Every structure is written in structure tokens, then in C-alpha cells.
């Protein structure tokens, strides 16, 4: 159960990261470099959190 919740949290964070990256792309494309920059920063942090959640789930769910 914990393994499934860990992967679900990681995938949820990955989805949020993708949405933030899309918003950043729209900001850059619309000529709003400040919006594009800060949404890129947010997307990066969410991506790091997603990878951490997924890797942490794999590491801590191994038996042994």
C-alpha cells in the first residue's frame, strides 16, 4: 500500500511539474519573460520533488 501511495504521489508531482512547464512555455511564448522564468523555476522544483518521491519509494520499498 505504501509503495502505491509513493508512486501515486510521485506521478501527481510529475503532472503538476508538466502543467507548470506548460504555463512557463505559454509565458515565454507570449513575451512575458518574468512569467516564463518563475514558472520554469516552479516546474524545476516540482520535477525534483517528483524524482525524489519516485526514487525514495523505490529505495524504501525494497525488501532486504
PDB file of N, CA and C in Angstrom:
ATOM      1  N   UNK A   1       0.820  -1.190   0.000  1.00  0.00           N
ATOM      2  CA  UNK A   1       0.000   0.000   0.000  1.00  0.00           C
ATOM      3  C   UNK A   1       0.871   1.263   0.000  1.00  0.00           C
ATOM      4  N   UNK A   2       1.927   1.248   0.818  1.00  0.00           N
ATOM      5  CA  UNK A   2       2.811   2.414   0.873  1.00  0.00           C
ATOM      6  C   UNK A   2       3.511   2.642  -0.453  1.00  0.00           C
ATOM      7  N   UNK A   3       3.849   1.547  -1.123  1.00  0.00           N
ATOM      8  CA  UNK A   3       4.517   1.646  -2.421  1.00  0.00           C
ATOM      9  C   UNK A   3       3.597   2.321  -3.438  1.00  0.00           C
ATOM     10  N   UNK A   4       2.343   1.923  -3.456  1.00  0.00           N
ATOM     11  CA  UNK A   4       1.377   2.511  -4.385  1.00  0.00           C
ATOM     12  C   UNK A   4       1.170   3.989  -4.090  1.00  0.00           C
ATOM     13  N   UNK A   5       1.085   4.353  -2.819  1.00  0.00           N
ATOM     14  CA  UNK A   5       0.908   5.762  -2.460  1.00  0.00           C
ATOM     15  C   UNK A   5       2.137   6.590  -2.821  1.00  0.00           C
ATOM     16  N   UNK A   6       3.314   6.016  -2.659  1.00  0.00           N
ATOM     17  CA  UNK A   6       4.538   6.718  -3.022  1.00  0.00           C
ATOM     18  C   UNK A   6       4.616   6.988  -4.514  1.00  0.00           C
ATOM     19  N   UNK A   7       4.282   5.975  -5.310  1.00  0.00           N
ATOM     20  CA  UNK A   7       4.279   6.164  -6.760  1.00  0.00           C
ATOM     21  C   UNK A   7       3.180   7.133  -7.192  1.00  0.00           C
ATOM     22  N   UNK A   8       2.032   7.077  -6.535  1.00  0.00           N
ATOM     23  CA  UNK A   8       0.944   7.991  -6.858  1.00  0.00           C
ATOM     24  C   UNK A   8       1.345   9.429  -6.542  1.00  0.00           C
ATOM     25  N   UNK A   9       2.008   9.638  -5.422  1.00  0.00           N
ATOM     26  CA  UNK A   9       2.485  10.980  -5.070  1.00  0.00           C
ATOM     27  C   UNK A   9       3.517  11.464  -6.087  1.00  0.00           C
ATOM     28  N   UNK A  10       4.431  10.595  -6.482  1.00  0.00           N
ATOM     29  CA  UNK A  10       5.438  10.962  -7.472  1.00  0.00           C
ATOM     30  C   UNK A  10       4.827  11.313  -8.815  1.00  0.00           C
ATOM     31  N   UNK A  11       3.858  10.528  -9.244  1.00  0.00           N
ATOM     32  CA  UNK A  11       3.203  10.804 -10.514  1.00  0.00           C
ATOM     33  C   UNK A  11       2.359  12.073 -10.443  1.00  0.00           C
ATOM     34  N   UNK A  12       1.753  12.324  -9.295  1.00  0.00           N
ATOM     35  CA  UNK A  12       0.994  13.563  -9.117  1.00  0.00           C
ATOM     36  C   UNK A  12       1.896  14.784  -9.196  1.00  0.00           C
ATOM     37  N   UNK A  13       3.048  14.701  -8.549  1.00  0.00           N
ATOM     38  CA  UNK A  13       4.006  15.800  -8.630  1.00  0.00           C
ATOM     39  C   UNK A  13       4.544  15.973 -10.045  1.00  0.00           C
ATOM     40  N   UNK A  14       4.725  14.866 -10.738  1.00  0.00           N
ATOM     41  CA  UNK A  14       5.184  14.933 -12.130  1.00  0.00           C
ATOM     42  C   UNK A  14       4.140  15.620 -13.010  1.00  0.00           C
ATOM     43  N   UNK A  15       2.871  15.350 -12.762  1.00  0.00           N
ATOM     44  CA  UNK A  15       1.801  16.005 -13.520  1.00  0.00           C
ATOM     45  C   UNK A  15       1.768  17.508 -13.225  1.00  0.00           C
ATOM     46  N   UNK A  16       1.952  17.868 -11.965  1.00  0.00           N
ATOM     47  CA  UNK A  16       1.998  19.291 -11.617  1.00  0.00           C
ATOM     48  C   UNK A  16       3.197  19.977 -12.267  1.00  0.00           C
ATOM     49  N   UNK A  17       4.320  19.271 -12.320  1.00  0.00           N
ATOM     50  CA  UNK A  17       5.509  19.811 -12.959  1.00  0.00           C
ATOM     51  C   UNK A  17       5.269  20.035 -14.453  1.00  0.00           C
ATOM     52  N   UNK A  18       4.604  19.103 -15.098  1.00  0.00           N
ATOM     53  CA  UNK A  18       4.300  19.247 -16.521  1.00  0.00           C
ATOM     54  C   UNK A  18       3.350  20.421 -16.759  1.00  0.00           C
ATOM     55  N   UNK A  19       2.372  20.592 -15.882  1.00  0.00           N
ATOM     56  CA  UNK A  19       1.447  21.729 -16.019  1.00  0.00           C
ATOM     57  C   UNK A  19       2.178  23.049 -15.822  1.00  0.00           C
ATOM     58  N   UNK A  20       3.092  23.104 -14.864  1.00  0.00           N
ATOM     59  CA  UNK A  20       3.871  24.320 -14.644  1.00  0.00           C
ATOM     60  C   UNK A  20       4.785  24.601 -15.834  1.00  0.00           C
ATOM     61  N   UNK A  21       5.350  23.565 -16.425  1.00  0.00           N
ATOM     62  CA  UNK A  21       6.200  23.752 -17.599  1.00  0.00           C
ATOM     63  C   UNK A  21       5.381  24.273 -18.781  1.00  0.00           C
ATOM     64  N   UNK A  22       4.169  23.798 -18.903  1.00  0.00           N
ATOM     65  CA  UNK A  22       3.293  24.296 -19.974  1.00  0.00           C
ATOM     66  C   UNK A  22       2.980  25.768 -19.759  1.00  0.00           C
ATOM     67  N   UNK A  23       2.686  26.155 -18.525  1.00  0.00           N
ATOM     68  CA  UNK A  23       2.420  27.557 -18.223  1.00  0.00           C
ATOM     69  C   UNK A  23       3.655  28.408 -18.506  1.00  0.00           C
ATOM     70  N   UNK A  24       4.839  27.884 -18.163  1.00  0.00           N
ATOM     71  CA  UNK A  24       6.078  28.607 -18.447  1.00  0.00           C
ATOM     72  C   UNK A  24       6.254  28.785 -19.948  1.00  0.00           C
ATOM     73  N   UNK A  25       5.964  27.754 -20.702  1.00  0.00           N
ATOM     74  CA  UNK A  25       6.095  27.825 -22.154  1.00  0.00           C
ATOM     75  C   UNK A  25       5.150  28.875 -22.741  1.00  0.00           C
ATOM     76  N   UNK A  26       3.939  28.925 -22.225  1.00  0.00           N
ATOM     77  CA  UNK A  26       2.986  29.937 -22.689  1.00  0.00           C
ATOM     78  C   UNK A  26       3.463  31.339 -22.314  1.00  0.00           C
ATOM     79  N   UNK A  27       4.065  31.459 -21.142  1.00  0.00           N
ATOM     80  CA  UNK A  27       4.599  32.754 -20.726  1.00  0.00           C
ATOM     81  C   UNK A  27       5.739  33.219 -21.617  1.00  0.00           C
ATOM     82  N   UNK A  28       6.678  32.312 -21.876  1.00  0.00           N
ATOM     83  CA  UNK A  28       7.794  32.655 -22.759  1.00  0.00           C
ATOM     84  C   UNK A  28       7.278  32.999 -24.152  1.00  0.00           C
ATOM     85  N   UNK A  29       6.363  32.190 -24.651  1.00  0.00           N
ATOM     86  CA  UNK A  29       5.834  32.397 -25.998  1.00  0.00           C
ATOM     87  C   UNK A  29       5.038  33.685 -26.138  1.00  0.00           C
ATOM     88  N   UNK A  30       4.409  34.118 -25.045  1.00  0.00           N
ATOM     89  CA  UNK A  30       3.607  35.335 -25.071  1.00  0.00           C
ATOM     90  C   UNK A  30       4.412  36.594 -24.830  1.00  0.00           C
ATOM     91  N   UNK A  31       5.724  36.447 -24.686  1.00  0.00           N
ATOM     92  CA  UNK A  31       6.563  37.610 -24.470  1.00  0.00           C
ATOM     93  C   UNK A  31       6.643  38.065 -23.026  1.00  0.00           C
ATOM     94  N   UNK A  32       6.182  37.224 -22.108  1.00  0.00           N
ATOM     95  CA  UNK A  32       6.222  37.550 -20.682  1.00  0.00           C
ATOM     96  C   UNK A  32       7.364  36.765 -20.045  1.00  0.00           C
ATOM     97  N   UNK A  33       8.563  37.305 -20.155  1.00  0.00           N
ATOM     98  CA  UNK A  33       9.738  36.570 -19.689  1.00  0.00           C
ATOM     99  C   UNK A  33       9.736  36.368 -18.177  1.00  0.00           C
ATOM    100  N   UNK A  34       9.132  37.283 -17.422  1.00  0.00           N
ATOM    101  CA  UNK A  34       9.075  37.108 -15.975  1.00  0.00           C
ATOM    102  C   UNK A  34       8.187  35.929 -15.601  1.00  0.00           C
ATOM    103  N   UNK A  35       7.051  35.800 -16.264  1.00  0.00           N
ATOM    104  CA  UNK A  35       6.148  34.672 -16.011  1.00  0.00           C
ATOM    105  C   UNK A  35       6.818  33.367 -16.440  1.00  0.00           C
ATOM    106  N   UNK A  36       7.442  33.387 -17.610  1.00  0.00           N
ATOM    107  CA  UNK A  36       8.124  32.194 -18.089  1.00  0.00           C
ATOM    108  C   UNK A  36       9.231  31.756 -17.160  1.00  0.00           C
ATOM    109  N   UNK A  37      10.012  32.715 -16.670  1.00  0.00           N
ATOM    110  CA  UNK A  37      11.126  32.387 -15.777  1.00  0.00           C
ATOM    111  C   UNK A  37      10.640  31.764 -14.476  1.00  0.00           C
ATOM    112  N   UNK A  38       9.696  32.407 -13.810  1.00  0.00           N
ATOM    113  CA  UNK A  38       9.283  31.908 -12.497  1.00  0.00           C
ATOM    114  C   UNK A  38       8.514  30.595 -12.596  1.00  0.00           C
ATOM    115  N   UNK A  39       7.733  30.402 -13.655  1.00  0.00           N
ATOM    116  CA  UNK A  39       7.073  29.107 -13.811  1.00  0.00           C
ATOM    117  C   UNK A  39       8.067  28.010 -14.164  1.00  0.00           C
ATOM    118  N   UNK A  40       9.169  28.377 -14.826  1.00  0.00           N
ATOM    119  CA  UNK A  40      10.239  27.409 -15.073  1.00  0.00           C
ATOM    120  C   UNK A  40      10.897  26.995 -13.766  1.00  0.00           C
ATOM    121  N   UNK A  41      11.110  27.956 -12.877  1.00  0.00           N
ATOM    122  CA  UNK A  41      11.675  27.652 -11.559  1.00  0.00           C
ATOM    123  C   UNK A  41      10.739  26.715 -10.782  1.00  0.00           C
ATOM    124  N   UNK A  42       9.460  27.022 -10.793  1.00  0.00           N
ATOM    125  CA  UNK A  42       8.473  26.188 -10.095  1.00  0.00           C
ATOM    126  C   UNK A  42       8.429  24.786 -10.695  1.00  0.00           C
ATOM    127  N   UNK A  43       8.433  24.702 -12.021  1.00  0.00           N
ATOM    128  CA  UNK A  43       8.415  23.392 -12.688  1.00  0.00           C
ATOM    129  C   UNK A  43       9.661  22.586 -12.333  1.00  0.00           C
ATOM    130  N   UNK A  44      10.800  23.257 -12.230  1.00  0.00           N
ATOM    131  CA  UNK A  44      12.044  22.558 -11.866  1.00  0.00           C
ATOM    132  C   UNK A  44      11.961  21.991 -10.451  1.00  0.00           C
ATOM    133  N   UNK A  45      11.494  22.797  -9.512  1.00  0.00           N
ATOM    134  CA  UNK A  45      11.363  22.316  -8.133  1.00  0.00           C
ATOM    135  C   UNK A  45      10.374  21.158  -8.036  1.00  0.00           C
ATOM    136  N   UNK A  46       9.263  21.248  -8.750  1.00  0.00           N
ATOM    137  CA  UNK A  46       8.292  20.158  -8.738  1.00  0.00           C
ATOM    138  C   UNK A  46       8.863  18.899  -9.385  1.00  0.00           C
ATOM    139  N   UNK A  47       9.654  19.070 -10.426  1.00  0.00           N
ATOM    140  CA  UNK A  47      10.300  17.923 -11.063  1.00  0.00           C
ATOM    141  C   UNK A  47      11.288  17.242 -10.126  1.00  0.00           C
ATOM    142  N   UNK A  48      12.057  18.048  -9.398  1.00  0.00           N
ATOM    143  CA  UNK A  48      12.997  17.490  -8.416  1.00  0.00           C
ATOM    144  C   UNK A  48      12.241  16.733  -7.333  1.00  0.00           C
ATOM    145  N   UNK A  49      11.132  17.299  -6.859  1.00  0.00           N
ATOM    146  CA  UNK A  49      10.327  16.627  -5.835  1.00  0.00           C
ATOM    147  C   UNK A  49       9.734  15.328  -6.358  1.00  0.00           C
ATOM    148  N   UNK A  50       9.299  15.324  -7.613  1.00  0.00           N
ATOM    149  CA  UNK A  50       8.726  14.115  -8.198  1.00  0.00           C
ATOM    150  C   UNK A  50       9.762  13.008  -8.306  1.00  0.00           C
ATOM    151  N   UNK A  51      10.949  13.355  -8.785  1.00  0.00           N
ATOM    152  CA  UNK A  51      12.017  12.350  -8.890  1.00  0.00           C
ATOM    153  C   UNK A  51      12.394  11.846  -7.497  1.00  0.00           C
ATOM    154  N   UNK A  52      12.458  12.745  -6.540  1.00  0.00           N
ATOM    155  CA  UNK A  52      12.773  12.341  -5.164  1.00  0.00           C
ATOM    156  C   UNK A  52      11.734  11.393  -4.591  1.00  0.00           C
ATOM    157  N   UNK A  53      10.463  11.677  -4.847  1.00  0.00           N
ATOM    158  CA  UNK A  53       9.394  10.799  -4.359  1.00  0.00           C
ATOM    159  C   UNK A  53       9.458   9.425  -5.012  1.00  0.00           C
ATOM    160  N   UNK A  54       9.693   9.393  -6.312  1.00  0.00           N
ATOM    161  CA  UNK A  54       9.743   8.105  -7.009  1.00  0.00           C
ATOM    162  C   UNK A  54      10.968   7.291  -6.612  1.00  0.00           C
ATOM    163  N   UNK A  55      12.123   7.930  -6.568  1.00  0.00           N
ATOM    164  CA  UNK A  55      13.349   7.220  -6.174  1.00  0.00           C
ATOM    165  C   UNK A  55      13.268   6.788  -4.711  1.00  0.00           C
ATOM    166  N   UNK A  56      12.768   7.662  -3.861  1.00  0.00           N
ATOM    167  CA  UNK A  56      12.620   7.323  -2.448  1.00  0.00           C
ATOM    168  C   UNK A  56      11.672   6.159  -2.231  1.00  0.00           C
ATOM    169  N   UNK A  57      10.610   6.102  -3.019  1.00  0.00           N
ATOM    170  CA  UNK A  57       9.682   4.989  -2.919  1.00  0.00           C
ATOM    171  C   UNK A  57      10.338   3.688  -3.307  1.00  0.00           C
ATOM    172  N   UNK A  58      11.124   3.726  -4.378  1.00  0.00           N
ATOM    173  CA  UNK A  58      11.820   2.512  -4.831  1.00  0.00           C
ATOM    174  C   UNK A  58      12.824   2.061  -3.770  1.00  0.00           C
ATOM    175  N   UNK A  59      13.597   2.996  -3.250  1.00  0.00           N
ATOM    176  CA  UNK A  59      14.632   2.647  -2.268  1.00  0.00           C
ATOM    177  C   UNK A  59      14.012   2.085  -0.989  1.00  0.00           C
ATOM    178  N   UNK A  60      12.957   2.734  -0.498  1.00  0.00           N
ATOM    179  CA  UNK A  60      12.398   2.345   0.790  1.00  0.00           C
ATOM    180  C   UNK A  60      11.382   1.231   0.720  1.00  0.00           C
ATOM    181  N   UNK A  61      11.033   0.798  -0.478  1.00  0.00           N
ATOM    182  CA  UNK A  61      10.080  -0.310  -0.576  1.00  0.00           C
ATOM    183  C   UNK A  61      10.758  -1.633  -0.927  1.00  0.00           C
ATOM    184  N   UNK A  62      12.084  -1.588  -1.101  1.00  0.00           N
ATOM    185  CA  UNK A  62      12.808  -2.827  -1.366  1.00  0.00           C
ATOM    186  C   UNK A  62      12.825  -3.689  -0.105  1.00  0.00           C
ATOM    187  N   UNK A  63      12.678  -4.956  -0.275  1.00  0.00           N
ATOM    188  CA  UNK A  63      12.772  -5.857   0.872  1.00  0.00           C
ATOM    189  C   UNK A  63      14.227  -6.313   0.999  1.00  0.00           C
ATOM    190  N   UNK A  64      14.662  -6.405   2.203  1.00  0.00           N
ATOM    191  CA  UNK A  64      16.007  -6.901   2.310  1.00  0.00           C
ATOM    192  C   UNK A  64      16.723  -6.353   3.439  1.00  0.00           C
TER     193      UNK A  64
END
